[in-house]
Amino acid sequence: MEHMVHSMHEIIDVLLPFIVATSELVGISFLFIAYMRYFAEYVLYTFKRKYYPINLRLMRSFITTLNFLMAAEILNSIAIHEISELYVLIGIVVIRVALSLLLHKELDHEEHKEREYKERHKKKEAAKAAAAAEAEAQAKAKAEAEAQAKAKEMAQAYKEKIKG
């Protein structure tokens, strides 16, 4: 039994650095790919003169990356051999948790700003649509009035022609 526990410990010591490095690499790769994608979309939207919520998307990506990095640090805690390593790990985790909480708070604020922007944009679009409908109704009324005036004029001309 003791030999089995020792073998498991050796397996963990061999695999753990690979798993931790993979988790860190996945997190950083995710952030890099997201950054490149969102930057390209931001440039395209800028040329189209449309609003693009790049802050929200980057913050969400950063939070996901932090989660991968925190998972790697927690996995690292399995292989701690000295108390000083534990203190460093605790410090790193505390900093990352604090950063994650701050990002969540900022994310809530940015989402609120985006909702307000969308509501203002919808109101503007509704006002434009109402103005366009009003202009169309006025143009239609004007065309009808002109058509009635033309019909009266033609009727008057016809009456004069019959009399004369």
N, C-alpha and C. Protein backbone atom coordinates (compact mmCIF):
# COMPACT_ATOMS: atom_id res chain seq x y z
N MET A 1 0.83 -1.20 0.00
CA MET A 1 0.00 0.00 0.00
C MET A 1 0.87 1.25 0.00
N GLU A 2 1.92 1.21 0.82
CA GLU A 2 2.82 2.36 0.90
C GLU A 2 3.52 2.58 -0.44
N HIS A 3 3.87 1.49 -1.10
CA HIS A 3 4.51 1.59 -2.42
C HIS A 3 3.55 2.23 -3.43
N MET A 4 2.29 1.88 -3.35
CA MET A 4 1.27 2.43 -4.25
C MET A 4 1.11 3.94 -4.03
N VAL A 5 1.10 4.37 -2.80
CA VAL A 5 1.00 5.80 -2.48
C VAL A 5 2.22 6.53 -3.01
N HIS A 6 3.39 5.93 -2.82
CA HIS A 6 4.62 6.54 -3.32
C HIS A 6 4.60 6.64 -4.85
N SER A 7 4.10 5.61 -5.52
CA SER A 7 4.00 5.63 -6.99
C SER A 7 3.03 6.71 -7.46
N MET A 8 1.91 6.85 -6.76
CA MET A 8 0.94 7.90 -7.11
C MET A 8 1.57 9.28 -6.96
N HIS A 9 2.34 9.43 -5.89
CA HIS A 9 3.00 10.71 -5.64
C HIS A 9 3.99 11.02 -6.77
N GLU A 10 4.73 10.01 -7.21
CA GLU A 10 5.68 10.20 -8.32
C GLU A 10 4.94 10.56 -9.61
N ILE A 11 3.82 9.90 -9.86
CA ILE A 11 3.03 10.20 -11.06
C ILE A 11 2.54 11.63 -11.02
N ILE A 12 2.05 12.06 -9.86
CA ILE A 12 1.57 13.44 -9.72
C ILE A 12 2.71 14.42 -9.93
N ASP A 13 3.89 14.11 -9.36
CA ASP A 13 5.04 15.00 -9.52
C ASP A 13 5.46 15.12 -10.99
N VAL A 14 5.28 14.06 -11.75
CA VAL A 14 5.64 14.09 -13.17
C VAL A 14 4.58 14.80 -14.00
N LEU A 15 3.31 14.49 -13.77
CA LEU A 15 2.23 15.04 -14.59
C LEU A 15 1.82 16.46 -14.22
N LEU A 16 1.95 16.81 -12.95
CA LEU A 16 1.45 18.10 -12.49
C LEU A 16 2.06 19.30 -13.23
N PRO A 17 3.38 19.36 -13.41
CA PRO A 17 3.92 20.52 -14.14
C PRO A 17 3.36 20.63 -15.56
N PHE A 18 3.15 19.49 -16.21
CA PHE A 18 2.58 19.50 -17.56
C PHE A 18 1.14 20.01 -17.54
N ILE A 19 0.34 19.55 -16.57
CA ILE A 19 -1.06 19.98 -16.47
C ILE A 19 -1.14 21.47 -16.16
N VAL A 20 -0.30 21.93 -15.23
CA VAL A 20 -0.29 23.35 -14.86
C VAL A 20 0.12 24.20 -16.06
N ALA A 21 1.19 23.79 -16.74
CA ALA A 21 1.65 24.55 -17.90
C ALA A 21 0.59 24.58 -18.99
N THR A 22 -0.10 23.47 -19.19
CA THR A 22 -1.17 23.41 -20.19
C THR A 22 -2.31 24.35 -19.83
N SER A 23 -2.69 24.36 -18.57
CA SER A 23 -3.77 25.26 -18.13
C SER A 23 -3.38 26.72 -18.34
N GLU A 24 -2.14 27.06 -17.98
CA GLU A 24 -1.67 28.44 -18.18
C GLU A 24 -1.62 28.79 -19.66
N LEU A 25 -1.14 27.86 -20.48
CA LEU A 25 -1.05 28.10 -21.91
C LEU A 25 -2.43 28.27 -22.54
N VAL A 26 -3.38 27.45 -22.13
CA VAL A 26 -4.75 27.57 -22.64
C VAL A 26 -5.33 28.93 -22.28
N GLY A 27 -5.15 29.36 -21.04
CA GLY A 27 -5.67 30.66 -20.61
C GLY A 27 -5.06 31.81 -21.38
N ILE A 28 -3.75 31.80 -21.53
CA ILE A 28 -3.07 32.89 -22.24
C ILE A 28 -3.42 32.85 -23.72
N SER A 29 -3.49 31.66 -24.31
CA SER A 29 -3.88 31.54 -25.73
C SER A 29 -5.29 32.05 -25.95
N PHE A 30 -6.18 31.70 -25.03
CA PHE A 30 -7.56 32.17 -25.12
C PHE A 30 -7.60 33.70 -25.14
N LEU A 31 -6.86 34.32 -24.24
CA LEU A 31 -6.85 35.78 -24.17
C LEU A 31 -6.26 36.38 -25.45
N PHE A 32 -5.17 35.80 -25.95
CA PHE A 32 -4.54 36.33 -27.16
C PHE A 32 -5.48 36.22 -28.36
N ILE A 33 -6.10 35.07 -28.54
CA ILE A 33 -7.02 34.87 -29.67
C ILE A 33 -8.22 35.81 -29.55
N ALA A 34 -8.76 35.92 -28.35
CA ALA A 34 -9.90 36.83 -28.15
C ALA A 34 -9.50 38.26 -28.44
N TYR A 35 -8.33 38.67 -27.98
CA TYR A 35 -7.86 40.03 -28.22
C TYR A 35 -7.75 40.30 -29.72
N MET A 36 -7.14 39.39 -30.46
CA MET A 36 -6.98 39.59 -31.90
C MET A 36 -8.34 39.66 -32.59
N ARG A 37 -9.24 38.78 -32.22
CA ARG A 37 -10.57 38.76 -32.83
C ARG A 37 -11.32 40.05 -32.55
N TYR A 38 -11.36 40.45 -31.28
CA TYR A 38 -12.12 41.63 -30.91
C TYR A 38 -11.51 42.90 -31.47
N PHE A 39 -10.19 42.92 -31.58
CA PHE A 39 -9.55 44.09 -32.18
C PHE A 39 -9.93 44.20 -33.66
N ALA A 40 -9.91 43.08 -34.37
CA ALA A 40 -10.30 43.09 -35.79
C ALA A 40 -11.76 43.51 -35.95
N GLU A 41 -12.64 42.99 -35.10
CA GLU A 41 -14.05 43.38 -35.16
C GLU A 41 -14.22 44.86 -34.83
N TYR A 42 -13.46 45.34 -33.87
CA TYR A 42 -13.53 46.75 -33.49
C TYR A 42 -13.14 47.65 -34.67
N VAL A 43 -12.07 47.27 -35.36
CA VAL A 43 -11.64 48.05 -36.53
C VAL A 43 -12.73 48.04 -37.59
N LEU A 44 -13.32 46.89 -37.87
CA LEU A 44 -14.39 46.81 -38.88
C LEU A 44 -15.59 47.66 -38.48
N TYR A 45 -15.98 47.59 -37.23
CA TYR A 45 -17.13 48.38 -36.77
C TYR A 45 -16.81 49.87 -36.80
N THR A 46 -15.55 50.22 -36.53
CA THR A 46 -15.16 51.63 -36.58
C THR A 46 -15.31 52.17 -37.99
N PHE A 47 -14.91 51.38 -38.99
CA PHE A 47 -15.06 51.82 -40.38
C PHE A 47 -16.53 51.94 -40.77
N LYS A 48 -17.37 51.10 -40.18
CA LYS A 48 -18.81 51.16 -40.46
C LYS A 48 -19.50 52.23 -39.61
N ARG A 49 -18.72 52.85 -38.72
CA ARG A 49 -19.23 53.87 -37.79
C ARG A 49 -20.36 53.32 -36.92
N LYS A 50 -20.13 52.13 -36.43
CA LYS A 50 -21.10 51.50 -35.53
C LYS A 50 -20.44 51.29 -34.17
N TYR A 51 -21.27 51.23 -33.14
CA TYR A 51 -20.79 51.01 -31.78
C TYR A 51 -20.36 49.55 -31.63
N TYR A 52 -19.24 49.34 -30.97
CA TYR A 52 -18.77 47.98 -30.70
C TYR A 52 -18.32 47.90 -29.25
N PRO A 53 -18.91 47.02 -28.45
CA PRO A 53 -18.60 46.94 -27.02
C PRO A 53 -17.32 46.15 -26.74
N ILE A 54 -16.18 46.67 -27.19
CA ILE A 54 -14.91 45.95 -27.04
C ILE A 54 -14.52 45.78 -25.58
N ASN A 55 -14.82 46.77 -24.74
CA ASN A 55 -14.46 46.65 -23.32
C ASN A 55 -15.12 45.45 -22.67
N LEU A 56 -16.40 45.28 -22.94
CA LEU A 56 -17.13 44.14 -22.36
C LEU A 56 -16.53 42.82 -22.79
N ARG A 57 -16.27 42.71 -24.04
CA ARG A 57 -15.79 41.43 -24.57
C ARG A 57 -14.38 41.13 -24.06
N LEU A 58 -13.53 42.15 -24.02
CA LEU A 58 -12.18 41.92 -23.50
C LEU A 58 -12.20 41.58 -22.01
N MET A 59 -13.07 42.23 -21.26
CA MET A 59 -13.14 41.92 -19.82
C MET A 59 -13.60 40.49 -19.60
N ARG A 60 -14.59 40.05 -20.36
CA ARG A 60 -15.05 38.67 -20.21
C ARG A 60 -13.93 37.68 -20.54
N SER A 61 -13.16 37.98 -21.58
CA SER A 61 -12.04 37.12 -21.95
C SER A 61 -10.97 37.13 -20.86
N PHE A 62 -10.72 38.29 -20.30
CA PHE A 62 -9.71 38.40 -19.26
C PHE A 62 -10.14 37.62 -18.01
N ILE A 63 -11.41 37.69 -17.67
CA ILE A 63 -11.92 36.94 -16.51
C ILE A 63 -11.77 35.43 -16.75
N THR A 64 -12.07 34.98 -17.96
CA THR A 64 -11.91 33.57 -18.28
C THR A 64 -10.45 33.16 -18.17
N THR A 65 -9.56 34.01 -18.68
CA THR A 65 -8.13 33.73 -18.58
C THR A 65 -7.69 33.65 -17.12
N LEU A 66 -8.17 34.58 -16.31
CA LEU A 66 -7.83 34.55 -14.88
C LEU A 66 -8.30 33.25 -14.23
N ASN A 67 -9.45 32.76 -14.64
CA ASN A 67 -9.95 31.50 -14.09
C ASN A 67 -9.02 30.33 -14.44
N PHE A 68 -8.51 30.31 -15.67
CA PHE A 68 -7.55 29.27 -16.05
C PHE A 68 -6.28 29.39 -15.22
N LEU A 69 -5.80 30.62 -15.05
CA LEU A 69 -4.56 30.82 -14.30
C LEU A 69 -4.73 30.48 -12.82
N MET A 70 -5.89 30.82 -12.26
CA MET A 70 -6.14 30.46 -10.86
C MET A 70 -6.22 28.94 -10.71
N ALA A 71 -6.83 28.27 -11.68
CA ALA A 71 -6.89 26.80 -11.63
C ALA A 71 -5.48 26.22 -11.65
N ALA A 72 -4.61 26.80 -12.47
CA ALA A 72 -3.22 26.34 -12.52
C ALA A 72 -2.53 26.54 -11.18
N GLU A 73 -2.77 27.68 -10.54
CA GLU A 73 -2.15 27.93 -9.23
C GLU A 73 -2.69 26.98 -8.18
N ILE A 74 -3.96 26.69 -8.23
CA ILE A 74 -4.54 25.75 -7.26
C ILE A 74 -3.95 24.35 -7.48
N LEU A 75 -3.79 23.97 -8.74
CA LEU A 75 -3.15 22.68 -9.01
C LEU A 75 -1.71 22.69 -8.51
N ASN A 76 -1.05 23.83 -8.63
CA ASN A 76 0.32 23.96 -8.14
C ASN A 76 0.41 23.71 -6.64
N SER A 77 -0.67 24.02 -5.94
CA SER A 77 -0.65 23.85 -4.49
C SER A 77 -0.48 22.39 -4.08
N ILE A 78 -0.78 21.48 -4.98
CA ILE A 78 -0.60 20.05 -4.69
C ILE A 78 0.88 19.72 -4.49
N ALA A 79 1.73 20.41 -5.23
CA ALA A 79 3.15 20.08 -5.22
C ALA A 79 3.97 20.97 -4.29
N ILE A 80 3.34 21.67 -3.38
CA ILE A 80 4.07 22.54 -2.46
C ILE A 80 4.85 21.69 -1.46
N HIS A 81 6.14 22.04 -1.32
CA HIS A 81 6.99 21.30 -0.41
C HIS A 81 7.45 22.15 0.77
N GLU A 82 7.39 23.47 0.62
CA GLU A 82 7.85 24.37 1.69
C GLU A 82 6.79 25.41 1.98
N ILE A 83 6.82 25.94 3.19
CA ILE A 83 5.83 26.93 3.62
C ILE A 83 5.98 28.23 2.84
N SER A 84 7.20 28.59 2.44
CA SER A 84 7.40 29.83 1.68
C SER A 84 6.70 29.74 0.32
N GLU A 85 6.68 28.56 -0.29
CA GLU A 85 5.96 28.37 -1.54
C GLU A 85 4.47 28.56 -1.33
N LEU A 86 3.98 28.12 -0.19
CA LEU A 86 2.56 28.29 0.13
C LEU A 86 2.20 29.77 0.25
N TYR A 87 3.08 30.54 0.90
CA TYR A 87 2.83 31.98 1.05
C TYR A 87 2.79 32.68 -0.31
N VAL A 88 3.70 32.32 -1.17
CA VAL A 88 3.72 32.90 -2.52
C VAL A 88 2.44 32.52 -3.26
N LEU A 89 2.04 31.27 -3.16
CA LEU A 89 0.82 30.81 -3.82
C LEU A 89 -0.40 31.55 -3.28
N ILE A 90 -0.49 31.70 -1.97
CA ILE A 90 -1.61 32.43 -1.38
C ILE A 90 -1.64 33.86 -1.88
N GLY A 91 -0.48 34.50 -1.94
CA GLY A 91 -0.41 35.87 -2.45
C GLY A 91 -0.88 35.98 -3.88
N ILE A 92 -0.44 35.06 -4.72
CA ILE A 92 -0.85 35.08 -6.13
C ILE A 92 -2.35 34.86 -6.25
N VAL A 93 -2.88 33.90 -5.53
CA VAL A 93 -4.32 33.62 -5.60
C VAL A 93 -5.13 34.81 -5.10
N VAL A 94 -4.70 35.43 -4.00
CA VAL A 94 -5.42 36.60 -3.47
C VAL A 94 -5.43 37.73 -4.49
N ILE A 95 -4.29 37.98 -5.11
CA ILE A 95 -4.22 39.05 -6.12
C ILE A 95 -5.14 38.73 -7.29
N ARG A 96 -5.12 37.50 -7.76
CA ARG A 96 -5.97 37.13 -8.90
C ARG A 96 -7.45 37.16 -8.56
N VAL A 97 -7.79 36.74 -7.36
CA VAL A 97 -9.20 36.80 -6.94
C VAL A 97 -9.65 38.25 -6.84
N ALA A 98 -8.81 39.11 -6.25
CA ALA A 98 -9.15 40.54 -6.15
C ALA A 98 -9.32 41.14 -7.54
N LEU A 99 -8.41 40.81 -8.44
CA LEU A 99 -8.50 41.32 -9.80
C LEU A 99 -9.77 40.82 -10.48
N SER A 100 -10.10 39.57 -10.26
CA SER A 100 -11.32 39.01 -10.84
C SER A 100 -12.56 39.72 -10.31
N LEU A 101 -12.60 39.97 -9.00
CA LEU A 101 -13.74 40.68 -8.41
C LEU A 101 -13.86 42.09 -8.96
N LEU A 102 -12.73 42.79 -9.08
CA LEU A 102 -12.76 44.14 -9.65
C LEU A 102 -13.23 44.12 -11.10
N LEU A 103 -12.77 43.13 -11.84
CA LEU A 103 -13.22 43.02 -13.24
C LEU A 103 -14.71 42.73 -13.32
N HIS A 104 -15.23 41.90 -12.44
CA HIS A 104 -16.67 41.63 -12.44
C HIS A 104 -17.46 42.90 -12.15
N LYS A 105 -16.96 43.69 -11.20
CA LYS A 105 -17.64 44.96 -10.87
C LYS A 105 -17.60 45.90 -12.07
N GLU A 106 -16.45 46.02 -12.70
CA GLU A 106 -16.32 46.88 -13.88
C GLU A 106 -17.17 46.34 -15.03
N LEU A 107 -17.25 45.03 -15.15
CA LEU A 107 -18.07 44.40 -16.19
C LEU A 107 -19.54 44.76 -15.98
N ASP A 108 -20.01 44.70 -14.75
CA ASP A 108 -21.40 45.10 -14.46
C ASP A 108 -21.64 46.54 -14.87
N HIS A 109 -20.67 47.41 -14.56
CA HIS A 109 -20.80 48.83 -14.92
C HIS A 109 -20.84 49.01 -16.44
N GLU A 110 -19.96 48.32 -17.14
CA GLU A 110 -19.93 48.42 -18.61
C GLU A 110 -21.21 47.86 -19.23
N GLU A 111 -21.73 46.77 -18.68
CA GLU A 111 -22.98 46.21 -19.20
C GLU A 111 -24.13 47.18 -19.00
N HIS A 112 -24.13 47.87 -17.86
CA HIS A 112 -25.16 48.89 -17.60
C HIS A 112 -25.04 50.02 -18.62
N LYS A 113 -23.81 50.46 -18.89
CA LYS A 113 -23.60 51.52 -19.88
C LYS A 113 -24.06 51.07 -21.27
N GLU A 114 -23.78 49.82 -21.61
CA GLU A 114 -24.18 49.31 -22.93
C GLU A 114 -25.70 49.24 -23.04
N ARG A 115 -26.38 48.80 -21.97
CA ARG A 115 -27.85 48.77 -22.00
C ARG A 115 -28.41 50.18 -22.19
N GLU A 116 -27.84 51.16 -21.48
CA GLU A 116 -28.30 52.54 -21.63
C GLU A 116 -28.08 53.03 -23.06
N TYR A 117 -26.91 52.70 -23.62
CA TYR A 117 -26.62 53.10 -25.00
C TYR A 117 -27.64 52.49 -25.96
N LYS A 118 -27.93 51.21 -25.79
CA LYS A 118 -28.89 50.55 -26.67
C LYS A 118 -30.28 51.15 -26.54
N GLU A 119 -30.66 51.49 -25.31
CA GLU A 119 -31.98 52.12 -25.11
C GLU A 119 -32.03 53.48 -25.79
N ARG A 120 -30.97 54.28 -25.64
CA ARG A 120 -30.93 55.58 -26.32
C ARG A 120 -30.98 55.40 -27.83
N HIS A 121 -30.24 54.41 -28.32
CA HIS A 121 -30.21 54.15 -29.76
C HIS A 121 -31.59 53.73 -30.26
N LYS A 122 -32.29 52.88 -29.49
CA LYS A 122 -33.64 52.46 -29.88
C LYS A 122 -34.59 53.65 -29.91
N LYS A 123 -34.47 54.53 -28.91
CA LYS A 123 -35.32 55.71 -28.87
C LYS A 123 -35.05 56.61 -30.07
N LYS A 124 -33.77 56.77 -30.43
CA LYS A 124 -33.42 57.58 -31.60
C LYS A 124 -34.02 56.97 -32.86
N GLU A 125 -33.87 55.65 -32.99
CA GLU A 125 -34.41 54.97 -34.17
C GLU A 125 -35.93 55.09 -34.22
N ALA A 126 -36.57 54.97 -33.07
CA ALA A 126 -38.03 55.11 -33.03
C ALA A 126 -38.44 56.53 -33.40
N ALA A 127 -37.68 57.51 -32.93
CA ALA A 127 -37.98 58.91 -33.27
C ALA A 127 -37.78 59.14 -34.77
N LYS A 128 -36.71 58.56 -35.32
CA LYS A 128 -36.48 58.69 -36.77
C LYS A 128 -37.61 58.04 -37.56
N ALA A 129 -38.03 56.86 -37.12
CA ALA A 129 -39.11 56.16 -37.81
C ALA A 129 -40.41 56.95 -37.72
N ALA A 130 -40.68 57.52 -36.55
CA ALA A 130 -41.89 58.33 -36.38
C ALA A 130 -41.83 59.57 -37.26
N ALA A 131 -40.65 60.20 -37.32
CA ALA A 131 -40.49 61.39 -38.17
C ALA A 131 -40.66 61.02 -39.64
N ALA A 132 -40.11 59.89 -40.04
CA ALA A 132 -40.25 59.45 -41.43
C ALA A 132 -41.71 59.14 -41.75
N ALA A 133 -42.41 58.49 -40.82
CA ALA A 133 -43.83 58.19 -41.03
C ALA A 133 -44.64 59.48 -41.12
N GLU A 134 -44.31 60.44 -40.27
CA GLU A 134 -45.00 61.74 -40.30
C GLU A 134 -44.74 62.46 -41.61
N ALA A 135 -43.49 62.44 -42.07
CA ALA A 135 -43.15 63.08 -43.34
C ALA A 135 -43.88 62.39 -44.49
N GLU A 136 -43.95 61.07 -44.43
CA GLU A 136 -44.65 60.31 -45.48
C GLU A 136 -46.14 60.65 -45.47
N ALA A 137 -46.73 60.75 -44.28
CA ALA A 137 -48.15 61.09 -44.17
C ALA A 137 -48.41 62.50 -44.71
N GLN A 138 -47.50 63.42 -44.40
CA GLN A 138 -47.65 64.79 -44.90
C GLN A 138 -47.52 64.83 -46.41
N ALA A 139 -46.56 64.07 -46.95
CA ALA A 139 -46.38 64.03 -48.40
C ALA A 139 -47.61 63.42 -49.07
N LYS A 140 -48.17 62.39 -48.45
CA LYS A 140 -49.36 61.75 -49.00
C LYS A 140 -50.54 62.71 -48.96
N ALA A 141 -50.70 63.43 -47.84
CA ALA A 141 -51.80 64.41 -47.73
C ALA A 141 -51.62 65.52 -48.75
N LYS A 142 -50.39 65.96 -48.95
CA LYS A 142 -50.12 67.01 -49.93
C LYS A 142 -50.44 66.52 -51.34
N ALA A 143 -50.05 65.28 -51.63
CA ALA A 143 -50.33 64.72 -52.95
C ALA A 143 -51.84 64.59 -53.18
N GLU A 144 -52.57 64.17 -52.14
CA GLU A 144 -54.03 64.07 -52.25
C GLU A 144 -54.65 65.44 -52.47
N ALA A 145 -54.16 66.44 -51.74
CA ALA A 145 -54.69 67.80 -51.89
C ALA A 145 -54.42 68.31 -53.30
N GLU A 146 -53.23 68.05 -53.80
CA GLU A 146 -52.89 68.48 -55.17
C GLU A 146 -53.76 67.75 -56.19
N ALA A 147 -54.00 66.44 -55.95
CA ALA A 147 -54.84 65.67 -56.87
C ALA A 147 -56.27 66.19 -56.85
N GLN A 148 -56.79 66.55 -55.66
CA GLN A 148 -58.14 67.11 -55.57
C GLN A 148 -58.21 68.46 -56.26
N ALA A 149 -57.17 69.28 -56.06
CA ALA A 149 -57.15 70.59 -56.72
C ALA A 149 -57.11 70.42 -58.23
N LYS A 150 -56.32 69.47 -58.69
CA LYS A 150 -56.22 69.21 -60.13
C LYS A 150 -57.56 68.70 -60.66
N ALA A 151 -58.24 67.83 -59.90
CA ALA A 151 -59.54 67.31 -60.32
C ALA A 151 -60.57 68.43 -60.39
N LYS A 152 -60.56 69.34 -59.39
CA LYS A 152 -61.47 70.48 -59.42
C LYS A 152 -61.18 71.37 -60.62
N GLU A 153 -59.92 71.58 -60.86
CA GLU A 153 -59.52 72.42 -62.00
C GLU A 153 -59.98 71.79 -63.31
N MET A 154 -59.81 70.47 -63.43
CA MET A 154 -60.24 69.79 -64.66
C MET A 154 -61.77 69.82 -64.78
N ALA A 155 -62.47 69.65 -63.66
CA ALA A 155 -63.94 69.71 -63.67
C ALA A 155 -64.40 71.09 -64.07
N GLN A 156 -63.75 72.12 -63.56
CA GLN A 156 -64.09 73.51 -63.91
C GLN A 156 -63.85 73.75 -65.39
N ALA A 157 -62.73 73.25 -65.90
CA ALA A 157 -62.42 73.42 -67.31
C ALA A 157 -63.44 72.67 -68.17
N TYR A 158 -63.87 71.50 -67.76
CA TYR A 158 -64.85 70.72 -68.49
C TYR A 158 -66.20 71.44 -68.51
N LYS A 159 -66.59 72.03 -67.35
CA LYS A 159 -67.85 72.78 -67.29
C LYS A 159 -67.80 73.97 -68.22
N GLU A 160 -66.69 74.65 -68.24
CA GLU A 160 -66.56 75.82 -69.12
C GLU A 160 -66.60 75.40 -70.58
N LYS A 161 -66.02 74.27 -70.89
CA LYS A 161 -66.02 73.78 -72.25
C LYS A 161 -67.43 73.41 -72.69
N ILE A 162 -68.21 72.82 -71.79
CA ILE A 162 -69.58 72.44 -72.10
C ILE A 162 -70.42 73.69 -72.31
N LYS A 163 -70.23 74.70 -71.48
CA LYS A 163 -71.00 75.93 -71.59
C LYS A 163 -70.63 76.68 -72.87
N GLY A 164 -69.43 76.68 -73.18
CA GLY A 164 -68.97 77.53 -74.27
C GLY A 164 -69.09 76.97 -75.60
